[in-house]
Amino acid sequence: MSNEIFNFKEAFEYNAIAPKELSEYLDKDLYIEAGDRITRKYKEIYYFYDKHNLSKVRLCDDLGEIIHDPVYENDLTEKGIIFSEIAYHWIDKIKGANKNPPDIKYLEKKLKEIV
């Protein structure tokens, strides 16, 4: 099996689900917002991959809902694999990724640079 590149479900569980032993002490709204933010980011990145032919299989349906997860190397084109480092940087570091809806200008700019 090839290497895992993206895993929405794992990212969601890590960021949006409070540990049971701490759940009564934590602000549930923060976890809900974190889940919403992770969902928006991954839907946007998966849609971006579909739109720009960076994936060999469809990752989202026509409504933008994720239909293929996790995503492995063999699900992506060569350019999609190369672009995954940029995608992770956008997910983790770029403020535009946290907007609602996410701002993809950074992704579009970086994709033009590797074409």
PDB file of N, CA and C in Angstrom:
ATOM      1  N   MET A   1       0.851  -1.181   0.000  1.00  0.00           N
ATOM      2  CA  MET A   1       0.000   0.000   0.000  1.00  0.00           C
ATOM      3  C   MET A   1       0.892   1.238   0.000  1.00  0.00           C
ATOM      4  N   SER A   2       0.438   2.277  -0.664  1.00  0.00           N
ATOM      5  CA  SER A   2       1.237   3.499  -0.740  1.00  0.00           C
ATOM      6  C   SER A   2       1.054   4.352   0.513  1.00  0.00           C
ATOM      7  N   ASN A   3       1.864   5.380   0.610  1.00  0.00           N
ATOM      8  CA  ASN A   3       1.853   6.251   1.781  1.00  0.00           C
ATOM      9  C   ASN A   3       0.603   7.120   1.845  1.00  0.00           C
ATOM     10  N   GLU A   4       0.129   7.311   3.053  1.00  0.00           N
ATOM     11  CA  GLU A   4      -1.017   8.187   3.279  1.00  0.00           C
ATOM     12  C   GLU A   4      -0.564   9.641   3.145  1.00  0.00           C
ATOM     13  N   ILE A   5      -1.343  10.426   2.408  1.00  0.00           N
ATOM     14  CA  ILE A   5      -1.023  11.841   2.201  1.00  0.00           C
ATOM     15  C   ILE A   5      -1.952  12.724   3.033  1.00  0.00           C
ATOM     16  N   PHE A   6      -3.261  12.517   2.911  1.00  0.00           N
ATOM     17  CA  PHE A   6      -4.255  13.293   3.656  1.00  0.00           C
ATOM     18  C   PHE A   6      -5.195  12.344   4.382  1.00  0.00           C
ATOM     19  N   ASN A   7      -5.632  12.758   5.567  1.00  0.00           N
ATOM     20  CA  ASN A   7      -6.599  11.961   6.310  1.00  0.00           C
ATOM     21  C   ASN A   7      -7.499  12.923   7.087  1.00  0.00           C
ATOM     22  N   PHE A   8      -8.618  13.280   6.477  1.00  0.00           N
ATOM     23  CA  PHE A   8      -9.551  14.220   7.091  1.00  0.00           C
ATOM     24  C   PHE A   8     -10.090  13.690   8.418  1.00  0.00           C
ATOM     25  N   LYS A   9     -10.528  12.438   8.421  1.00  0.00           N
ATOM     26  CA  LYS A   9     -11.134  11.871   9.626  1.00  0.00           C
ATOM     27  C   LYS A   9     -10.165  11.924  10.808  1.00  0.00           C
ATOM     28  N   GLU A  10      -8.918  11.571  10.571  1.00  0.00           N
ATOM     29  CA  GLU A  10      -7.916  11.595  11.635  1.00  0.00           C
ATOM     30  C   GLU A  10      -7.666  13.025  12.124  1.00  0.00           C
ATOM     31  N   ALA A  11      -7.564  13.967  11.198  1.00  0.00           N
ATOM     32  CA  ALA A  11      -7.347  15.371  11.574  1.00  0.00           C
ATOM     33  C   ALA A  11      -8.532  15.902  12.371  1.00  0.00           C
ATOM     34  N   PHE A  12      -9.732  15.523  11.965  1.00  0.00           N
ATOM     35  CA  PHE A  12     -10.936  15.963  12.672  1.00  0.00           C
ATOM     36  C   PHE A  12     -10.946  15.416  14.093  1.00  0.00           C
ATOM     37  N   GLU A  13     -10.706  14.126  14.227  1.00  0.00           N
ATOM     38  CA  GLU A  13     -10.722  13.502  15.550  1.00  0.00           C
ATOM     39  C   GLU A  13      -9.653  14.101  16.472  1.00  0.00           C
ATOM     40  N   TYR A  14      -8.492  14.401  15.928  1.00  0.00           N
ATOM     41  CA  TYR A  14      -7.406  14.950  16.732  1.00  0.00           C
ATOM     42  C   TYR A  14      -7.715  16.370  17.207  1.00  0.00           C
ATOM     43  N   ASN A  15      -8.329  17.176  16.346  1.00  0.00           N
ATOM     44  CA  ASN A  15      -8.535  18.594  16.636  1.00  0.00           C
ATOM     45  C   ASN A  15      -9.899  18.944  17.208  1.00  0.00           C
ATOM     46  N   ALA A  16     -10.887  18.112  16.991  1.00  0.00           N
ATOM     47  CA  ALA A  16     -12.257  18.523  17.287  1.00  0.00           C
ATOM     48  C   ALA A  16     -12.980  17.671  18.320  1.00  0.00           C
ATOM     49  N   ILE A  17     -12.347  16.642  18.805  1.00  0.00           N
ATOM     50  CA  ILE A  17     -13.014  15.786  19.783  1.00  0.00           C
ATOM     51  C   ILE A  17     -12.235  15.858  21.092  1.00  0.00           C
ATOM     52  N   ALA A  18     -12.896  16.362  22.101  1.00  0.00           N
ATOM     53  CA  ALA A  18     -12.258  16.521  23.412  1.00  0.00           C
ATOM     54  C   ALA A  18     -12.006  15.152  24.038  1.00  0.00           C
ATOM     55  N   PRO A  19     -10.857  14.994  24.685  1.00  0.00           N
ATOM     56  CA  PRO A  19     -10.604  13.739  25.402  1.00  0.00           C
ATOM     57  C   PRO A  19     -11.688  13.514  26.458  1.00  0.00           C
ATOM     58  N   LYS A  20     -12.222  12.322  26.533  1.00  0.00           N
ATOM     59  CA  LYS A  20     -13.326  12.032  27.463  1.00  0.00           C
ATOM     60  C   LYS A  20     -13.005  12.418  28.896  1.00  0.00           C
ATOM     61  N   GLU A  21     -11.789  12.151  29.324  1.00  0.00           N
ATOM     62  CA  GLU A  21     -11.446  12.433  30.719  1.00  0.00           C
ATOM     63  C   GLU A  21     -11.384  13.937  31.022  1.00  0.00           C
ATOM     64  N   LEU A  22     -11.314  14.769  29.997  1.00  0.00           N
ATOM     65  CA  LEU A  22     -11.250  16.221  30.201  1.00  0.00           C
ATOM     66  C   LEU A  22     -12.496  16.964  29.712  1.00  0.00           C
ATOM     67  N   SER A  23     -13.399  16.252  29.069  1.00  0.00           N
ATOM     68  CA  SER A  23     -14.510  16.907  28.385  1.00  0.00           C
ATOM     69  C   SER A  23     -15.373  17.792  29.285  1.00  0.00           C
ATOM     70  N   GLU A  24     -15.522  17.446  30.542  1.00  0.00           N
ATOM     71  CA  GLU A  24     -16.368  18.271  31.416  1.00  0.00           C
ATOM     72  C   GLU A  24     -15.701  19.593  31.782  1.00  0.00           C
ATOM     73  N   TYR A  25     -14.384  19.682  31.595  1.00  0.00           N
ATOM     74  CA  TYR A  25     -13.645  20.894  31.962  1.00  0.00           C
ATOM     75  C   TYR A  25     -13.374  21.815  30.772  1.00  0.00           C
ATOM     76  N   LEU A  26     -13.600  21.339  29.575  1.00  0.00           N
ATOM     77  CA  LEU A  26     -13.231  22.085  28.374  1.00  0.00           C
ATOM     78  C   LEU A  26     -14.431  22.816  27.756  1.00  0.00           C
ATOM     79  N   ASP A  27     -14.134  23.863  27.035  1.00  0.00           N
ATOM     80  CA  ASP A  27     -15.154  24.641  26.339  1.00  0.00           C
ATOM     81  C   ASP A  27     -15.550  23.894  25.062  1.00  0.00           C
ATOM     82  N   LYS A  28     -16.733  23.328  25.052  1.00  0.00           N
ATOM     83  CA  LYS A  28     -17.188  22.536  23.913  1.00  0.00           C
ATOM     84  C   LYS A  28     -17.285  23.360  22.630  1.00  0.00           C
ATOM     85  N   ASP A  29     -17.609  24.648  22.773  1.00  0.00           N
ATOM     86  CA  ASP A  29     -17.717  25.511  21.595  1.00  0.00           C
ATOM     87  C   ASP A  29     -16.389  25.614  20.846  1.00  0.00           C
ATOM     88  N   LEU A  30     -15.276  25.598  21.576  1.00  0.00           N
ATOM     89  CA  LEU A  30     -13.967  25.650  20.924  1.00  0.00           C
ATOM     90  C   LEU A  30     -13.726  24.404  20.082  1.00  0.00           C
ATOM     91  N   TYR A  31     -14.160  23.264  20.587  1.00  0.00           N
ATOM     92  CA  TYR A  31     -13.997  22.027  19.827  1.00  0.00           C
ATOM     93  C   TYR A  31     -14.936  21.977  18.622  1.00  0.00           C
ATOM     94  N   ILE A  32     -16.114  22.520  18.770  1.00  0.00           N
ATOM     95  CA  ILE A  32     -17.053  22.581  17.641  1.00  0.00           C
ATOM     96  C   ILE A  32     -16.480  23.465  16.546  1.00  0.00           C
ATOM     97  N   GLU A  33     -15.970  24.638  16.918  1.00  0.00           N
ATOM     98  CA  GLU A  33     -15.370  25.545  15.934  1.00  0.00           C
ATOM     99  C   GLU A  33     -14.145  24.914  15.290  1.00  0.00           C
ATOM    100  N   ALA A  34     -13.329  24.222  16.079  1.00  0.00           N
ATOM    101  CA  ALA A  34     -12.154  23.545  15.513  1.00  0.00           C
ATOM    102  C   ALA A  34     -12.589  22.491  14.499  1.00  0.00           C
ATOM    103  N   GLY A  35     -13.632  21.761  14.798  1.00  0.00           N
ATOM    104  CA  GLY A  35     -14.154  20.764  13.862  1.00  0.00           C
ATOM    105  C   GLY A  35     -14.670  21.396  12.588  1.00  0.00           C
ATOM    106  N   ASP A  36     -15.375  22.506  12.726  1.00  0.00           N
ATOM    107  CA  ASP A  36     -15.877  23.222  11.549  1.00  0.00           C
ATOM    108  C   ASP A  36     -14.717  23.719  10.687  1.00  0.00           C
ATOM    109  N   ARG A  37     -13.703  24.263  11.338  1.00  0.00           N
ATOM    110  CA  ARG A  37     -12.540  24.804  10.619  1.00  0.00           C
ATOM    111  C   ARG A  37     -11.786  23.688   9.879  1.00  0.00           C
ATOM    112  N   ILE A  38     -11.549  22.566  10.547  1.00  0.00           N
ATOM    113  CA  ILE A  38     -10.871  21.425   9.907  1.00  0.00           C
ATOM    114  C   ILE A  38     -11.691  20.912   8.728  1.00  0.00           C
ATOM    115  N   THR A  39     -12.998  20.822   8.917  1.00  0.00           N
ATOM    116  CA  THR A  39     -13.864  20.350   7.841  1.00  0.00           C
ATOM    117  C   THR A  39     -13.786  21.276   6.637  1.00  0.00           C
ATOM    118  N   ARG A  40     -13.852  22.584   6.862  1.00  0.00           N
ATOM    119  CA  ARG A  40     -13.759  23.549   5.753  1.00  0.00           C
ATOM    120  C   ARG A  40     -12.426  23.415   5.021  1.00  0.00           C
ATOM    121  N   LYS A  41     -11.340  23.317   5.775  1.00  0.00           N
ATOM    122  CA  LYS A  41     -10.008  23.220   5.163  1.00  0.00           C
ATOM    123  C   LYS A  41      -9.885  21.973   4.285  1.00  0.00           C
ATOM    124  N   TYR A  42     -10.291  20.838   4.825  1.00  0.00           N
ATOM    125  CA  TYR A  42     -10.132  19.594   4.066  1.00  0.00           C
ATOM    126  C   TYR A  42     -11.083  19.528   2.879  1.00  0.00           C
ATOM    127  N   LYS A  43     -12.296  20.020   3.028  1.00  0.00           N
ATOM    128  CA  LYS A  43     -13.199  20.065   1.871  1.00  0.00           C
ATOM    129  C   LYS A  43     -12.594  20.933   0.778  1.00  0.00           C
ATOM    130  N   GLU A  44     -12.027  22.059   1.179  1.00  0.00           N
ATOM    131  CA  GLU A  44     -11.446  22.986   0.205  1.00  0.00           C
ATOM    132  C   GLU A  44     -10.221  22.389  -0.476  1.00  0.00           C
ATOM    133  N   ILE A  45      -9.357  21.750   0.282  1.00  0.00           N
ATOM    134  CA  ILE A  45      -8.150  21.184  -0.320  1.00  0.00           C
ATOM    135  C   ILE A  45      -8.506  20.006  -1.222  1.00  0.00           C
ATOM    136  N   TYR A  46      -9.447  19.179  -0.815  1.00  0.00           N
ATOM    137  CA  TYR A  46      -9.862  18.057  -1.658  1.00  0.00           C
ATOM    138  C   TYR A  46     -10.529  18.574  -2.931  1.00  0.00           C
ATOM    139  N   TYR A  47     -11.381  19.581  -2.803  1.00  0.00           N
ATOM    140  CA  TYR A  47     -12.018  20.178  -3.986  1.00  0.00           C
ATOM    141  C   TYR A  47     -10.963  20.788  -4.909  1.00  0.00           C
ATOM    142  N   PHE A  48      -9.972  21.460  -4.337  1.00  0.00           N
ATOM    143  CA  PHE A  48      -8.888  22.053  -5.109  1.00  0.00           C
ATOM    144  C   PHE A  48      -8.157  20.970  -5.905  1.00  0.00           C
ATOM    145  N   TYR A  49      -7.870  19.860  -5.265  1.00  0.00           N
ATOM    146  CA  TYR A  49      -7.215  18.748  -5.953  1.00  0.00           C
ATOM    147  C   TYR A  49      -8.068  18.240  -7.115  1.00  0.00           C
ATOM    148  N   ASP A  50      -9.360  18.084  -6.898  1.00  0.00           N
ATOM    149  CA  ASP A  50     -10.243  17.638  -7.980  1.00  0.00           C
ATOM    150  C   ASP A  50     -10.272  18.652  -9.124  1.00  0.00           C
ATOM    151  N   LYS A  51     -10.464  19.899  -8.786  1.00  0.00           N
ATOM    152  CA  LYS A  51     -10.604  20.976  -9.781  1.00  0.00           C
ATOM    153  C   LYS A  51      -9.364  21.118 -10.661  1.00  0.00           C
ATOM    154  N   HIS A  52      -8.195  20.903 -10.084  1.00  0.00           N
ATOM    155  CA  HIS A  52      -6.947  21.109 -10.819  1.00  0.00           C
ATOM    156  C   HIS A  52      -6.284  19.797 -11.270  1.00  0.00           C
ATOM    157  N   ASN A  53      -7.080  18.730 -11.277  1.00  0.00           N
ATOM    158  CA  ASN A  53      -6.604  17.425 -11.761  1.00  0.00           C
ATOM    159  C   ASN A  53      -5.322  16.969 -11.070  1.00  0.00           C
ATOM    160  N   LEU A  54      -5.272  17.174  -9.765  1.00  0.00           N
ATOM    161  CA  LEU A  54      -4.133  16.734  -8.972  1.00  0.00           C
ATOM    162  C   LEU A  54      -4.385  15.350  -8.364  1.00  0.00           C
ATOM    163  N   SER A  55      -5.596  14.844  -8.545  1.00  0.00           N
ATOM    164  CA  SER A  55      -5.945  13.520  -8.026  1.00  0.00           C
ATOM    165  C   SER A  55      -6.386  12.616  -9.178  1.00  0.00           C
ATOM    166  N   LYS A  56      -6.125  11.331  -9.028  1.00  0.00           N
ATOM    167  CA  LYS A  56      -6.537  10.346 -10.023  1.00  0.00           C
ATOM    168  C   LYS A  56      -7.968   9.886  -9.786  1.00  0.00           C
ATOM    169  N   VAL A  57      -8.449  10.043  -8.557  1.00  0.00           N
ATOM    170  CA  VAL A  57      -9.815   9.671  -8.184  1.00  0.00           C
ATOM    171  C   VAL A  57     -10.508  10.917  -7.646  1.00  0.00           C
ATOM    172  N   ARG A  58     -11.829  10.947  -7.749  1.00  0.00           N
ATOM    173  CA  ARG A  58     -12.560  12.081  -7.190  1.00  0.00           C
ATOM    174  C   ARG A  58     -12.513  12.025  -5.669  1.00  0.00           C
ATOM    175  N   LEU A  59     -12.207  13.174  -5.088  1.00  0.00           N
ATOM    176  CA  LEU A  59     -12.142  13.274  -3.638  1.00  0.00           C
ATOM    177  C   LEU A  59     -13.407  13.883  -3.055  1.00  0.00           C
ATOM    178  N   CYS A  60     -14.146  14.666  -3.871  1.00  0.00           N
ATOM    179  CA  CYS A  60     -15.396  15.326  -3.442  1.00  0.00           C
ATOM    180  C   CYS A  60     -16.493  15.044  -4.444  1.00  0.00           C
ATOM    181  N   ASP A  61     -17.727  15.106  -3.960  1.00  0.00           N
ATOM    182  CA  ASP A  61     -18.861  15.003  -4.875  1.00  0.00           C
ATOM    183  C   ASP A  61     -19.178  16.386  -5.451  1.00  0.00           C
ATOM    184  N   ASP A  62     -20.247  16.484  -6.225  1.00  0.00           N
ATOM    185  CA  ASP A  62     -20.621  17.748  -6.866  1.00  0.00           C
ATOM    186  C   ASP A  62     -21.000  18.837  -5.869  1.00  0.00           C
ATOM    187  N   LEU A  63     -21.340  18.465  -4.650  1.00  0.00           N
ATOM    188  CA  LEU A  63     -21.704  19.440  -3.616  1.00  0.00           C
ATOM    189  C   LEU A  63     -20.516  19.812  -2.723  1.00  0.00           C
ATOM    190  N   GLY A  64     -19.333  19.265  -3.031  1.00  0.00           N
ATOM    191  CA  GLY A  64     -18.145  19.583  -2.251  1.00  0.00           C
ATOM    192  C   GLY A  64     -17.965  18.738  -1.009  1.00  0.00           C
ATOM    193  N   GLU A  65     -18.756  17.684  -0.874  1.00  0.00           N
ATOM    194  CA  GLU A  65     -18.625  16.787   0.278  1.00  0.00           C
ATOM    195  C   GLU A  65     -17.526  15.757  -0.003  1.00  0.00           C
ATOM    196  N   ILE A  66     -16.743  15.456   0.999  1.00  0.00           N
ATOM    197  CA  ILE A  66     -15.649  14.497   0.855  1.00  0.00           C
ATOM    198  C   ILE A  66     -16.221  13.099   0.650  1.00  0.00           C
ATOM    199  N   ILE A  67     -15.757  12.450  -0.421  1.00  0.00           N
ATOM    200  CA  ILE A  67     -16.229  11.089  -0.714  1.00  0.00           C
ATOM    201  C   ILE A  67     -15.085  10.071  -0.727  1.00  0.00           C
ATOM    202  N   HIS A  68     -13.847  10.559  -0.666  1.00  0.00           N
ATOM    203  CA  HIS A  68     -12.700   9.636  -0.693  1.00  0.00           C
ATOM    204  C   HIS A  68     -11.702  10.083   0.375  1.00  0.00           C
ATOM    205  N   ASP A  69     -11.572   9.296   1.414  1.00  0.00           N
ATOM    206  CA  ASP A  69     -10.677   9.626   2.515  1.00  0.00           C
ATOM    207  C   ASP A  69     -10.357   8.341   3.270  1.00  0.00           C
ATOM    208  N   PRO A  70      -9.139   8.106   3.671  1.00  0.00           N
ATOM    209  CA  PRO A  70      -7.956   8.932   3.481  1.00  0.00           C
ATOM    210  C   PRO A  70      -7.458   8.900   2.035  1.00  0.00           C
ATOM    211  N   VAL A  71      -6.527   9.791   1.733  1.00  0.00           N
ATOM    212  CA  VAL A  71      -5.957   9.914   0.393  1.00  0.00           C
ATOM    213  C   VAL A  71      -4.521   9.414   0.457  1.00  0.00           C
ATOM    214  N   TYR A  72      -4.213   8.497  -0.454  1.00  0.00           N
ATOM    215  CA  TYR A  72      -2.881   7.896  -0.524  1.00  0.00           C
ATOM    216  C   TYR A  72      -2.136   8.393  -1.763  1.00  0.00           C
ATOM    217  N   GLU A  73      -0.824   8.166  -1.784  1.00  0.00           N
ATOM    218  CA  GLU A  73      -0.010   8.576  -2.930  1.00  0.00           C
ATOM    219  C   GLU A  73      -0.582   8.074  -4.245  1.00  0.00           C
ATOM    220  N   ASN A  74      -1.019   6.819  -4.282  1.00  0.00           N
ATOM    221  CA  ASN A  74      -1.522   6.262  -5.535  1.00  0.00           C
ATOM    222  C   ASN A  74      -2.867   6.851  -5.959  1.00  0.00           C
ATOM    223  N   ASP A  75      -3.489   7.695  -5.113  1.00  0.00           N
ATOM    224  CA  ASP A  75      -4.719   8.406  -5.478  1.00  0.00           C
ATOM    225  C   ASP A  75      -4.414   9.724  -6.178  1.00  0.00           C
ATOM    226  N   LEU A  76      -3.138  10.126  -6.158  1.00  0.00           N
ATOM    227  CA  LEU A  76      -2.760  11.439  -6.659  1.00  0.00           C
ATOM    228  C   LEU A  76      -1.879  11.337  -7.894  1.00  0.00           C
ATOM    229  N   THR A  77      -1.914  12.394  -8.707  1.00  0.00           N
ATOM    230  CA  THR A  77      -0.990  12.498  -9.823  1.00  0.00           C
ATOM    231  C   THR A  77       0.392  12.834  -9.264  1.00  0.00           C
ATOM    232  N   GLU A  78       1.397  12.767 -10.109  1.00  0.00           N
ATOM    233  CA  GLU A  78       2.748  13.129  -9.668  1.00  0.00           C
ATOM    234  C   GLU A  78       2.769  14.574  -9.167  1.00  0.00           C
ATOM    235  N   LYS A  79       2.108  15.454  -9.900  1.00  0.00           N
ATOM    236  CA  LYS A  79       2.049  16.854  -9.482  1.00  0.00           C
ATOM    237  C   LYS A  79       1.283  16.999  -8.169  1.00  0.00           C
ATOM    238  N   GLY A  80       0.255  16.193  -7.973  1.00  0.00           N
ATOM    239  CA  GLY A  80      -0.515  16.215  -6.732  1.00  0.00           C
ATOM    240  C   GLY A  80       0.313  15.806  -5.531  1.00  0.00           C
ATOM    241  N   ILE A  81       1.203  14.836  -5.734  1.00  0.00           N
ATOM    242  CA  ILE A  81       2.087  14.407  -4.650  1.00  0.00           C
ATOM    243  C   ILE A  81       3.060  15.533  -4.311  1.00  0.00           C
ATOM    244  N   ILE A  82       3.641  16.137  -5.329  1.00  0.00           N
ATOM    245  CA  ILE A  82       4.560  17.261  -5.111  1.00  0.00           C
ATOM    246  C   ILE A  82       3.841  18.403  -4.400  1.00  0.00           C
ATOM    247  N   PHE A  83       2.610  18.674  -4.815  1.00  0.00           N
ATOM    248  CA  PHE A  83       1.834  19.792  -4.269  1.00  0.00           C
ATOM    249  C   PHE A  83       1.388  19.542  -2.828  1.00  0.00           C
ATOM    250  N   SER A  84       1.403  18.306  -2.374  1.00  0.00           N
ATOM    251  CA  SER A  84       0.903  17.990  -1.027  1.00  0.00           C
ATOM    252  C   SER A  84       1.674  18.722   0.065  1.00  0.00           C
ATOM    253  N   GLU A  85       2.948  18.962  -0.127  1.00  0.00           N
ATOM    254  CA  GLU A  85       3.727  19.712   0.862  1.00  0.00           C
ATOM    255  C   GLU A  85       3.193  21.150   0.969  1.00  0.00           C
ATOM    256  N   ILE A  86       2.874  21.749  -0.154  1.00  0.00           N
ATOM    257  CA  ILE A  86       2.287  23.096  -0.179  1.00  0.00           C
ATOM    258  C   ILE A  86       0.913  23.070   0.477  1.00  0.00           C
ATOM    259  N   ALA A  87       0.144  22.032   0.183  1.00  0.00           N
ATOM    260  CA  ALA A  87      -1.203  21.912   0.760  1.00  0.00           C
ATOM    261  C   ALA A  87      -1.135  21.824   2.280  1.00  0.00           C
ATOM    262  N   TYR A  88      -0.200  21.037   2.792  1.00  0.00           N
ATOM    263  CA  TYR A  88      -0.060  20.939   4.248  1.00  0.00           C
ATOM    264  C   TYR A  88       0.382  22.255   4.866  1.00  0.00           C
ATOM    265  N   HIS A  89       1.258  22.972   4.177  1.00  0.00           N
ATOM    266  CA  HIS A  89       1.677  24.276   4.672  1.00  0.00           C
ATOM    267  C   HIS A  89       0.464  25.206   4.757  1.00  0.00           C
ATOM    268  N   TRP A  90      -0.387  25.171   3.732  1.00  0.00           N
ATOM    269  CA  TRP A  90      -1.606  25.998   3.719  1.00  0.00           C
ATOM    270  C   TRP A  90      -2.519  25.607   4.883  1.00  0.00           C
ATOM    271  N   ILE A  91      -2.736  24.335   5.086  1.00  0.00           N
ATOM    272  CA  ILE A  91      -3.612  23.854   6.152  1.00  0.00           C
ATOM    273  C   ILE A  91      -3.105  24.303   7.525  1.00  0.00           C
ATOM    274  N   ASP A  92      -1.800  24.190   7.740  1.00  0.00           N
ATOM    275  CA  ASP A  92      -1.231  24.426   9.075  1.00  0.00           C
ATOM    276  C   ASP A  92      -0.789  25.863   9.343  1.00  0.00           C
ATOM    277  N   LYS A  93      -0.355  26.598   8.325  1.00  0.00           N
ATOM    278  CA  LYS A  93       0.336  27.857   8.583  1.00  0.00           C
ATOM    279  C   LYS A  93      -0.303  29.104   7.963  1.00  0.00           C
ATOM    280  N   ILE A  94      -1.094  28.965   6.929  1.00  0.00           N
ATOM    281  CA  ILE A  94      -1.592  30.132   6.204  1.00  0.00           C
ATOM    282  C   ILE A  94      -2.924  30.585   6.805  1.00  0.00           C
ATOM    283  N   LYS A  95      -2.990  31.860   7.197  1.00  0.00           N
ATOM    284  CA  LYS A  95      -4.186  32.394   7.849  1.00  0.00           C
ATOM    285  C   LYS A  95      -5.427  32.266   6.976  1.00  0.00           C
ATOM    286  N   GLY A  96      -5.266  32.384   5.674  1.00  0.00           N
ATOM    287  CA  GLY A  96      -6.408  32.292   4.768  1.00  0.00           C
ATOM    288  C   GLY A  96      -7.140  30.968   4.849  1.00  0.00           C
ATOM    289  N   ALA A  97      -6.440  29.915   5.269  1.00  0.00           N
ATOM    290  CA  ALA A  97      -7.069  28.598   5.388  1.00  0.00           C
ATOM    291  C   ALA A  97      -8.117  28.584   6.495  1.00  0.00           C
ATOM    292  N   ASN A  98      -7.971  29.484   7.470  1.00  0.00           N
ATOM    293  CA  ASN A  98      -8.907  29.525   8.599  1.00  0.00           C
ATOM    294  C   ASN A  98     -10.133  30.383   8.342  1.00  0.00           C
ATOM    295  N   LYS A  99     -10.160  31.079   7.217  1.00  0.00           N
ATOM    296  CA  LYS A  99     -11.310  31.937   6.915  1.00  0.00           C
ATOM    297  C   LYS A  99     -12.520  31.083   6.548  1.00  0.00           C
ATOM    298  N   ASN A 100     -13.671  31.706   6.574  1.00  0.00           N
ATOM    299  CA  ASN A 100     -14.899  31.028   6.190  1.00  0.00           C
ATOM    300  C   ASN A 100     -15.581  31.846   5.098  1.00  0.00           C
ATOM    301  N   PRO A 101     -15.498  31.415   3.844  1.00  0.00           N
ATOM    302  CA  PRO A 101     -14.839  30.209   3.323  1.00  0.00           C
ATOM    303  C   PRO A 101     -13.324  30.394   3.265  1.00  0.00           C
ATOM    304  N   PRO A 102     -12.590  29.282   3.206  1.00  0.00           N
ATOM    305  CA  PRO A 102     -11.133  29.375   3.153  1.00  0.00           C
ATOM    306  C   PRO A 102     -10.653  30.137   1.917  1.00  0.00           C
ATOM    307  N   ASP A 103      -9.605  30.909   2.084  1.00  0.00           N
ATOM    308  CA  ASP A 103      -8.997  31.683   1.002  1.00  0.00           C
ATOM    309  C   ASP A 103      -7.938  30.807   0.341  1.00  0.00           C
ATOM    310  N   ILE A 104      -8.104  30.549  -0.951  1.00  0.00           N
ATOM    311  CA  ILE A 104      -7.198  29.639  -1.651  1.00  0.00           C
ATOM    312  C   ILE A 104      -6.210  30.373  -2.566  1.00  0.00           C
ATOM    313  N   LYS A 105      -6.088  31.675  -2.447  1.00  0.00           N
ATOM    314  CA  LYS A 105      -5.158  32.425  -3.311  1.00  0.00           C
ATOM    315  C   LYS A 105      -3.729  31.883  -3.198  1.00  0.00           C
ATOM    316  N   TYR A 106      -3.307  31.558  -1.992  1.00  0.00           N
ATOM    317  CA  TYR A 106      -1.976  30.996  -1.783  1.00  0.00           C
ATOM    318  C   TYR A 106      -1.807  29.708  -2.592  1.00  0.00           C
ATOM    319  N   LEU A 107      -2.798  28.820  -2.533  1.00  0.00           N
ATOM    320  CA  LEU A 107      -2.733  27.555  -3.272  1.00  0.00           C
ATOM    321  C   LEU A 107      -2.661  27.804  -4.763  1.00  0.00           C
ATOM    322  N   GLU A 108      -3.482  28.712  -5.258  1.00  0.00           N
ATOM    323  CA  GLU A 108      -3.487  29.011  -6.697  1.00  0.00           C
ATOM    324  C   GLU A 108      -2.137  29.569  -7.151  1.00  0.00           C
ATOM    325  N   LYS A 109      -1.566  30.467  -6.356  1.00  0.00           N
ATOM    326  CA  LYS A 109      -0.258  31.049  -6.678  1.00  0.00           C
ATOM    327  C   LYS A 109       0.818  29.965  -6.717  1.00  0.00           C
ATOM    328  N   LYS A 110       0.845  29.117  -5.706  1.00  0.00           N
ATOM    329  CA  LYS A 110       1.870  28.071  -5.634  1.00  0.00           C
ATOM    330  C   LYS A 110       1.703  27.029  -6.731  1.00  0.00           C
ATOM    331  N   LEU A 111       0.473  26.739  -7.112  1.00  0.00           N
ATOM    332  CA  LEU A 111       0.250  25.771  -8.197  1.00  0.00           C
ATOM    333  C   LEU A 111       0.823  26.308  -9.514  1.00  0.00           C
ATOM    334  N   LYS A 112       0.640  27.594  -9.773  1.00  0.00           N
ATOM    335  CA  LYS A 112       1.197  28.198 -10.999  1.00  0.00           C
ATOM    336  C   LYS A 112       2.710  28.117 -10.997  1.00  0.00           C
ATOM    337  N   GLU A 113       3.329  28.191  -9.830  1.00  0.00           N
ATOM    338  CA  GLU A 113       4.790  28.136  -9.748  1.00  0.00           C
ATOM    339  C   GLU A 113       5.358  26.758 -10.064  1.00  0.00           C
ATOM    340  N   ILE A 114       4.571  25.704  -9.852  1.00  0.00           N
ATOM    341  CA  ILE A 114       5.102  24.358 -10.130  1.00  0.00           C
ATOM    342  C   ILE A 114       4.651  23.813 -11.477  1.00  0.00           C
ATOM    343  N   VAL A 115       3.846  24.562 -12.193  1.00  0.00           N
ATOM    344  CA  VAL A 115       3.352  24.082 -13.497  1.00  0.00           C
ATOM    345  C   VAL A 115       4.433  24.134 -14.538  1.00  0.00           C
TER     346      VAL A 115
END
